[in-house]
N, C-alpha and C. Protein backbone atom coordinates (compact mmCIF):
# COMPACT_ATOMS: atom_id res chain seq x y z
N MET A 1 0.81 -1.21 0.00
CA MET A 1 0.00 0.00 0.00
C MET A 1 0.85 1.27 0.00
N ALA A 2 2.16 1.12 0.01
CA ALA A 2 3.03 2.30 -0.01
C ALA A 2 2.79 3.12 -1.26
N ASN A 3 2.50 2.44 -2.38
CA ASN A 3 2.25 3.15 -3.61
C ASN A 3 0.99 4.02 -3.50
N ALA A 4 -0.06 3.48 -2.91
CA ALA A 4 -1.29 4.25 -2.72
C ALA A 4 -1.04 5.44 -1.81
N ALA A 5 -0.22 5.24 -0.77
CA ALA A 5 0.10 6.34 0.14
C ALA A 5 0.89 7.42 -0.57
N SER A 6 1.84 7.03 -1.39
CA SER A 6 2.64 8.04 -2.10
C SER A 6 1.78 8.75 -3.15
N MET A 7 0.86 8.03 -3.79
CA MET A 7 -0.05 8.67 -4.74
C MET A 7 -0.93 9.69 -4.02
N ARG A 8 -1.39 9.32 -2.83
CA ARG A 8 -2.23 10.23 -2.06
C ARG A 8 -1.43 11.47 -1.65
N GLU A 9 -0.18 11.27 -1.21
CA GLU A 9 0.66 12.42 -0.83
C GLU A 9 0.88 13.35 -2.01
N GLU A 10 1.17 12.78 -3.18
CA GLU A 10 1.37 13.59 -4.37
C GLU A 10 0.09 14.33 -4.74
N ALA A 11 -1.05 13.65 -4.63
CA ALA A 11 -2.34 14.27 -4.93
C ALA A 11 -2.61 15.42 -3.97
N GLU A 12 -2.32 15.22 -2.69
CA GLU A 12 -2.51 16.28 -1.70
C GLU A 12 -1.60 17.46 -2.00
N SER A 13 -0.38 17.17 -2.42
CA SER A 13 0.56 18.24 -2.76
C SER A 13 0.04 19.09 -3.92
N ILE A 14 -0.49 18.43 -4.94
CA ILE A 14 -1.06 19.16 -6.08
C ILE A 14 -2.27 19.98 -5.63
N ALA A 15 -3.10 19.39 -4.79
CA ALA A 15 -4.30 20.09 -4.31
C ALA A 15 -3.93 21.30 -3.46
N VAL A 16 -2.90 21.18 -2.64
CA VAL A 16 -2.45 22.32 -1.83
C VAL A 16 -1.91 23.42 -2.74
N LYS A 17 -1.17 23.04 -3.78
CA LYS A 17 -0.71 24.03 -4.76
C LYS A 17 -1.90 24.71 -5.42
N ALA A 18 -2.92 23.93 -5.74
CA ALA A 18 -4.12 24.48 -6.37
C ALA A 18 -4.83 25.44 -5.44
N LEU A 19 -4.89 25.10 -4.17
CA LEU A 19 -5.52 26.00 -3.19
C LEU A 19 -4.75 27.32 -3.11
N GLY A 20 -3.44 27.24 -3.07
CA GLY A 20 -2.62 28.45 -3.06
C GLY A 20 -2.83 29.28 -4.31
N PHE A 21 -2.95 28.62 -5.44
CA PHE A 21 -3.20 29.28 -6.72
C PHE A 21 -4.52 30.04 -6.67
N VAL A 22 -5.56 29.37 -6.19
CA VAL A 22 -6.89 29.99 -6.10
C VAL A 22 -6.87 31.14 -5.10
N ALA A 23 -6.27 30.90 -3.95
CA ALA A 23 -6.25 31.92 -2.89
C ALA A 23 -5.50 33.18 -3.31
N ALA A 24 -4.51 33.03 -4.19
CA ALA A 24 -3.70 34.18 -4.60
C ALA A 24 -4.33 34.95 -5.76
N ASP A 25 -5.39 34.44 -6.32
CA ASP A 25 -6.00 35.08 -7.49
C ASP A 25 -7.24 35.87 -7.07
N PRO A 26 -7.20 37.20 -7.26
CA PRO A 26 -8.32 38.04 -6.80
C PRO A 26 -9.63 37.79 -7.54
N GLU A 27 -9.60 37.12 -8.68
CA GLU A 27 -10.84 36.78 -9.38
C GLU A 27 -11.33 35.38 -9.03
N LEU A 28 -10.39 34.44 -8.89
CA LEU A 28 -10.78 33.06 -8.61
C LEU A 28 -11.26 32.86 -7.18
N LEU A 29 -10.61 33.50 -6.22
CA LEU A 29 -10.95 33.26 -4.82
C LEU A 29 -12.42 33.58 -4.52
N PRO A 30 -12.93 34.75 -4.90
CA PRO A 30 -14.35 35.02 -4.60
C PRO A 30 -15.29 34.01 -5.28
N ARG A 31 -14.93 33.59 -6.50
CA ARG A 31 -15.76 32.60 -7.20
C ARG A 31 -15.74 31.26 -6.46
N PHE A 32 -14.55 30.84 -6.02
CA PHE A 32 -14.42 29.59 -5.27
C PHE A 32 -15.22 29.65 -3.98
N LEU A 33 -15.10 30.76 -3.27
CA LEU A 33 -15.84 30.92 -2.00
C LEU A 33 -17.35 30.90 -2.25
N ALA A 34 -17.79 31.55 -3.32
CA ALA A 34 -19.23 31.58 -3.62
C ALA A 34 -19.75 30.19 -3.98
N ILE A 35 -18.98 29.46 -4.76
CA ILE A 35 -19.41 28.12 -5.19
C ILE A 35 -19.44 27.16 -4.01
N THR A 36 -18.43 27.25 -3.14
CA THR A 36 -18.34 26.30 -2.03
C THR A 36 -19.16 26.72 -0.82
N GLY A 37 -19.46 28.01 -0.71
CA GLY A 37 -20.19 28.50 0.45
C GLY A 37 -19.30 28.67 1.67
N ILE A 38 -18.00 28.60 1.46
CA ILE A 38 -17.04 28.76 2.56
C ILE A 38 -16.69 30.23 2.69
N GLU A 39 -16.56 30.70 3.92
CA GLU A 39 -16.10 32.07 4.14
C GLU A 39 -14.58 32.07 4.13
N ALA A 40 -13.98 33.17 3.69
CA ALA A 40 -12.53 33.26 3.59
C ALA A 40 -11.86 32.93 4.93
N SER A 41 -12.47 33.35 6.02
CA SER A 41 -11.89 33.12 7.34
C SER A 41 -11.95 31.65 7.76
N SER A 42 -12.74 30.85 7.04
CA SER A 42 -12.92 29.44 7.40
C SER A 42 -12.13 28.48 6.52
N ILE A 43 -11.36 28.99 5.57
CA ILE A 43 -10.66 28.10 4.63
C ILE A 43 -9.72 27.16 5.35
N ARG A 44 -8.96 27.67 6.29
CA ARG A 44 -7.99 26.81 6.99
C ARG A 44 -8.70 25.64 7.69
N ARG A 45 -9.80 25.92 8.34
CA ARG A 45 -10.56 24.87 9.03
C ARG A 45 -11.17 23.92 8.00
N ALA A 46 -11.74 24.47 6.92
CA ALA A 46 -12.37 23.65 5.89
C ALA A 46 -11.36 22.73 5.21
N ALA A 47 -10.12 23.19 5.09
CA ALA A 47 -9.09 22.40 4.42
C ALA A 47 -8.84 21.07 5.11
N ALA A 48 -9.17 20.97 6.38
CA ALA A 48 -8.98 19.73 7.12
C ALA A 48 -10.12 18.74 6.92
N GLU A 49 -11.20 19.19 6.29
CA GLU A 49 -12.37 18.33 6.09
C GLU A 49 -12.14 17.36 4.93
N PRO A 50 -12.63 16.12 5.07
CA PRO A 50 -12.52 15.18 3.95
C PRO A 50 -13.24 15.74 2.73
N GLY A 51 -12.63 15.63 1.61
CA GLY A 51 -13.26 16.09 0.38
C GLY A 51 -12.93 17.52 0.01
N PHE A 52 -12.39 18.32 0.93
CA PHE A 52 -12.11 19.71 0.60
C PHE A 52 -11.08 19.81 -0.52
N LEU A 53 -9.97 19.07 -0.39
CA LEU A 53 -8.92 19.16 -1.40
C LEU A 53 -9.43 18.66 -2.75
N ALA A 54 -10.27 17.63 -2.73
CA ALA A 54 -10.88 17.16 -3.98
C ALA A 54 -11.73 18.27 -4.58
N GLY A 55 -12.44 18.99 -3.74
CA GLY A 55 -13.26 20.10 -4.21
C GLY A 55 -12.44 21.20 -4.86
N VAL A 56 -11.26 21.46 -4.32
CA VAL A 56 -10.37 22.47 -4.91
C VAL A 56 -9.98 22.02 -6.32
N LEU A 57 -9.61 20.75 -6.45
CA LEU A 57 -9.22 20.24 -7.77
C LEU A 57 -10.41 20.22 -8.73
N GLN A 58 -11.59 19.90 -8.24
CA GLN A 58 -12.78 19.93 -9.09
C GLN A 58 -13.02 21.35 -9.60
N PHE A 59 -12.80 22.32 -8.74
CA PHE A 59 -12.95 23.73 -9.13
C PHE A 59 -11.98 24.08 -10.25
N ILE A 60 -10.73 23.67 -10.12
CA ILE A 60 -9.71 23.94 -11.14
C ILE A 60 -10.08 23.24 -12.45
N LEU A 61 -10.51 21.99 -12.34
CA LEU A 61 -10.82 21.19 -13.53
C LEU A 61 -12.09 21.66 -14.25
N ALA A 62 -12.98 22.35 -13.55
CA ALA A 62 -14.26 22.76 -14.13
C ALA A 62 -14.13 23.86 -15.17
N HIS A 63 -13.01 24.53 -15.24
CA HIS A 63 -12.83 25.66 -16.14
C HIS A 63 -11.48 25.50 -16.83
N GLU A 64 -11.52 25.09 -18.10
CA GLU A 64 -10.27 24.76 -18.80
C GLU A 64 -9.24 25.89 -18.80
N PRO A 65 -9.63 27.15 -19.03
CA PRO A 65 -8.61 28.22 -18.97
C PRO A 65 -7.93 28.30 -17.60
N THR A 66 -8.69 28.07 -16.54
CA THR A 66 -8.11 28.08 -15.20
C THR A 66 -7.16 26.91 -15.04
N LEU A 67 -7.57 25.74 -15.51
CA LEU A 67 -6.71 24.55 -15.44
C LEU A 67 -5.40 24.79 -16.19
N LEU A 68 -5.49 25.34 -17.38
CA LEU A 68 -4.29 25.57 -18.18
C LEU A 68 -3.38 26.61 -17.54
N ARG A 69 -3.95 27.64 -16.96
CA ARG A 69 -3.14 28.66 -16.28
C ARG A 69 -2.46 28.07 -15.04
N PHE A 70 -3.22 27.28 -14.26
CA PHE A 70 -2.65 26.61 -13.10
C PHE A 70 -1.50 25.71 -13.53
N SER A 71 -1.72 24.94 -14.57
CA SER A 71 -0.70 24.02 -15.06
C SER A 71 0.55 24.77 -15.49
N GLU A 72 0.36 25.85 -16.21
CA GLU A 72 1.51 26.64 -16.68
C GLU A 72 2.27 27.29 -15.53
N GLU A 73 1.54 27.86 -14.59
CA GLU A 73 2.19 28.59 -13.49
C GLU A 73 2.87 27.67 -12.49
N THR A 74 2.38 26.44 -12.36
CA THR A 74 2.95 25.54 -11.35
C THR A 74 3.77 24.41 -11.95
N GLY A 75 3.77 24.28 -13.28
CA GLY A 75 4.49 23.19 -13.91
C GLY A 75 3.83 21.84 -13.69
N THR A 76 2.53 21.86 -13.41
CA THR A 76 1.77 20.63 -13.18
C THR A 76 1.04 20.27 -14.47
N PRO A 77 1.31 19.10 -15.06
CA PRO A 77 0.58 18.73 -16.27
C PRO A 77 -0.93 18.66 -16.00
N PRO A 78 -1.75 19.14 -16.94
CA PRO A 78 -3.20 19.10 -16.73
C PRO A 78 -3.71 17.70 -16.37
N ALA A 79 -3.19 16.67 -16.99
CA ALA A 79 -3.64 15.31 -16.70
C ALA A 79 -3.35 14.91 -15.26
N ALA A 80 -2.28 15.48 -14.68
CA ALA A 80 -1.93 15.15 -13.29
C ALA A 80 -2.97 15.69 -12.32
N VAL A 81 -3.67 16.76 -12.71
CA VAL A 81 -4.70 17.33 -11.84
C VAL A 81 -5.87 16.35 -11.72
N GLY A 82 -6.31 15.81 -12.85
CA GLY A 82 -7.39 14.83 -12.83
C GLY A 82 -6.99 13.56 -12.10
N LYS A 83 -5.76 13.13 -12.31
CA LYS A 83 -5.25 11.94 -11.63
C LYS A 83 -5.21 12.18 -10.12
N ALA A 84 -4.79 13.37 -9.72
CA ALA A 84 -4.73 13.71 -8.29
C ALA A 84 -6.13 13.70 -7.69
N LEU A 85 -7.10 14.23 -8.42
CA LEU A 85 -8.48 14.25 -7.93
C LEU A 85 -8.95 12.83 -7.62
N ARG A 86 -8.68 11.91 -8.52
CA ARG A 86 -9.13 10.53 -8.33
C ARG A 86 -8.43 9.84 -7.17
N ALA A 87 -7.27 10.34 -6.75
CA ALA A 87 -6.52 9.73 -5.65
C ALA A 87 -6.96 10.25 -4.28
N LEU A 88 -7.79 11.30 -4.27
CA LEU A 88 -8.20 11.91 -3.00
C LEU A 88 -9.56 11.39 -2.53
N PRO A 89 -9.78 11.40 -1.21
CA PRO A 89 -11.10 11.02 -0.70
C PRO A 89 -12.18 11.94 -1.28
N LEU A 90 -13.26 11.33 -1.69
CA LEU A 90 -14.40 12.02 -2.28
C LEU A 90 -14.10 12.58 -3.66
N GLY A 91 -12.96 12.20 -4.23
CA GLY A 91 -12.62 12.62 -5.59
C GLY A 91 -13.35 11.78 -6.62
N ASN A 92 -13.81 10.61 -6.21
CA ASN A 92 -14.66 9.77 -7.05
C ASN A 92 -15.38 8.76 -6.17
N ASP A 93 -16.11 7.87 -6.78
CA ASP A 93 -16.92 6.93 -6.01
C ASP A 93 -16.14 5.76 -5.42
N ASP A 94 -14.86 5.67 -5.73
CA ASP A 94 -14.07 4.53 -5.26
C ASP A 94 -13.54 4.72 -3.84
N HIS A 95 -13.72 5.89 -3.29
CA HIS A 95 -13.21 6.16 -1.93
C HIS A 95 -14.37 6.10 -0.95
N GLU A 96 -14.09 5.57 0.21
CA GLU A 96 -15.10 5.59 1.26
C GLU A 96 -15.03 6.92 1.98
N ARG A 97 -16.16 7.41 2.37
CA ARG A 97 -16.22 8.68 3.10
C ARG A 97 -15.67 8.49 4.50
N SER A 98 -14.77 9.40 4.89
CA SER A 98 -14.22 9.35 6.25
C SER A 98 -15.27 9.87 7.23
N THR A 99 -15.25 9.33 8.44
CA THR A 99 -16.22 9.82 9.43
C THR A 99 -15.51 10.51 10.56
């Protein structure tokens, strides 16, 4: 299972980069907050919730220009973002929900 653990770590790393990317963008951050219903002051707490990082990646993947800009600015291949999403809890139906 070491491979699954390393895939999860890599996926979390990409998702954290994506969160930083969104948080640093004055146009993306308000849109992300509006879509998720999270207040800016609650992001740190929300980030600890299962599925939050998957939600960040879903947000990036939902808008191709945003995905391409994220990929270019971070050196993350676009396909790696989708792969990372699938490796995270709640990123697809193959993961059990944490309680």
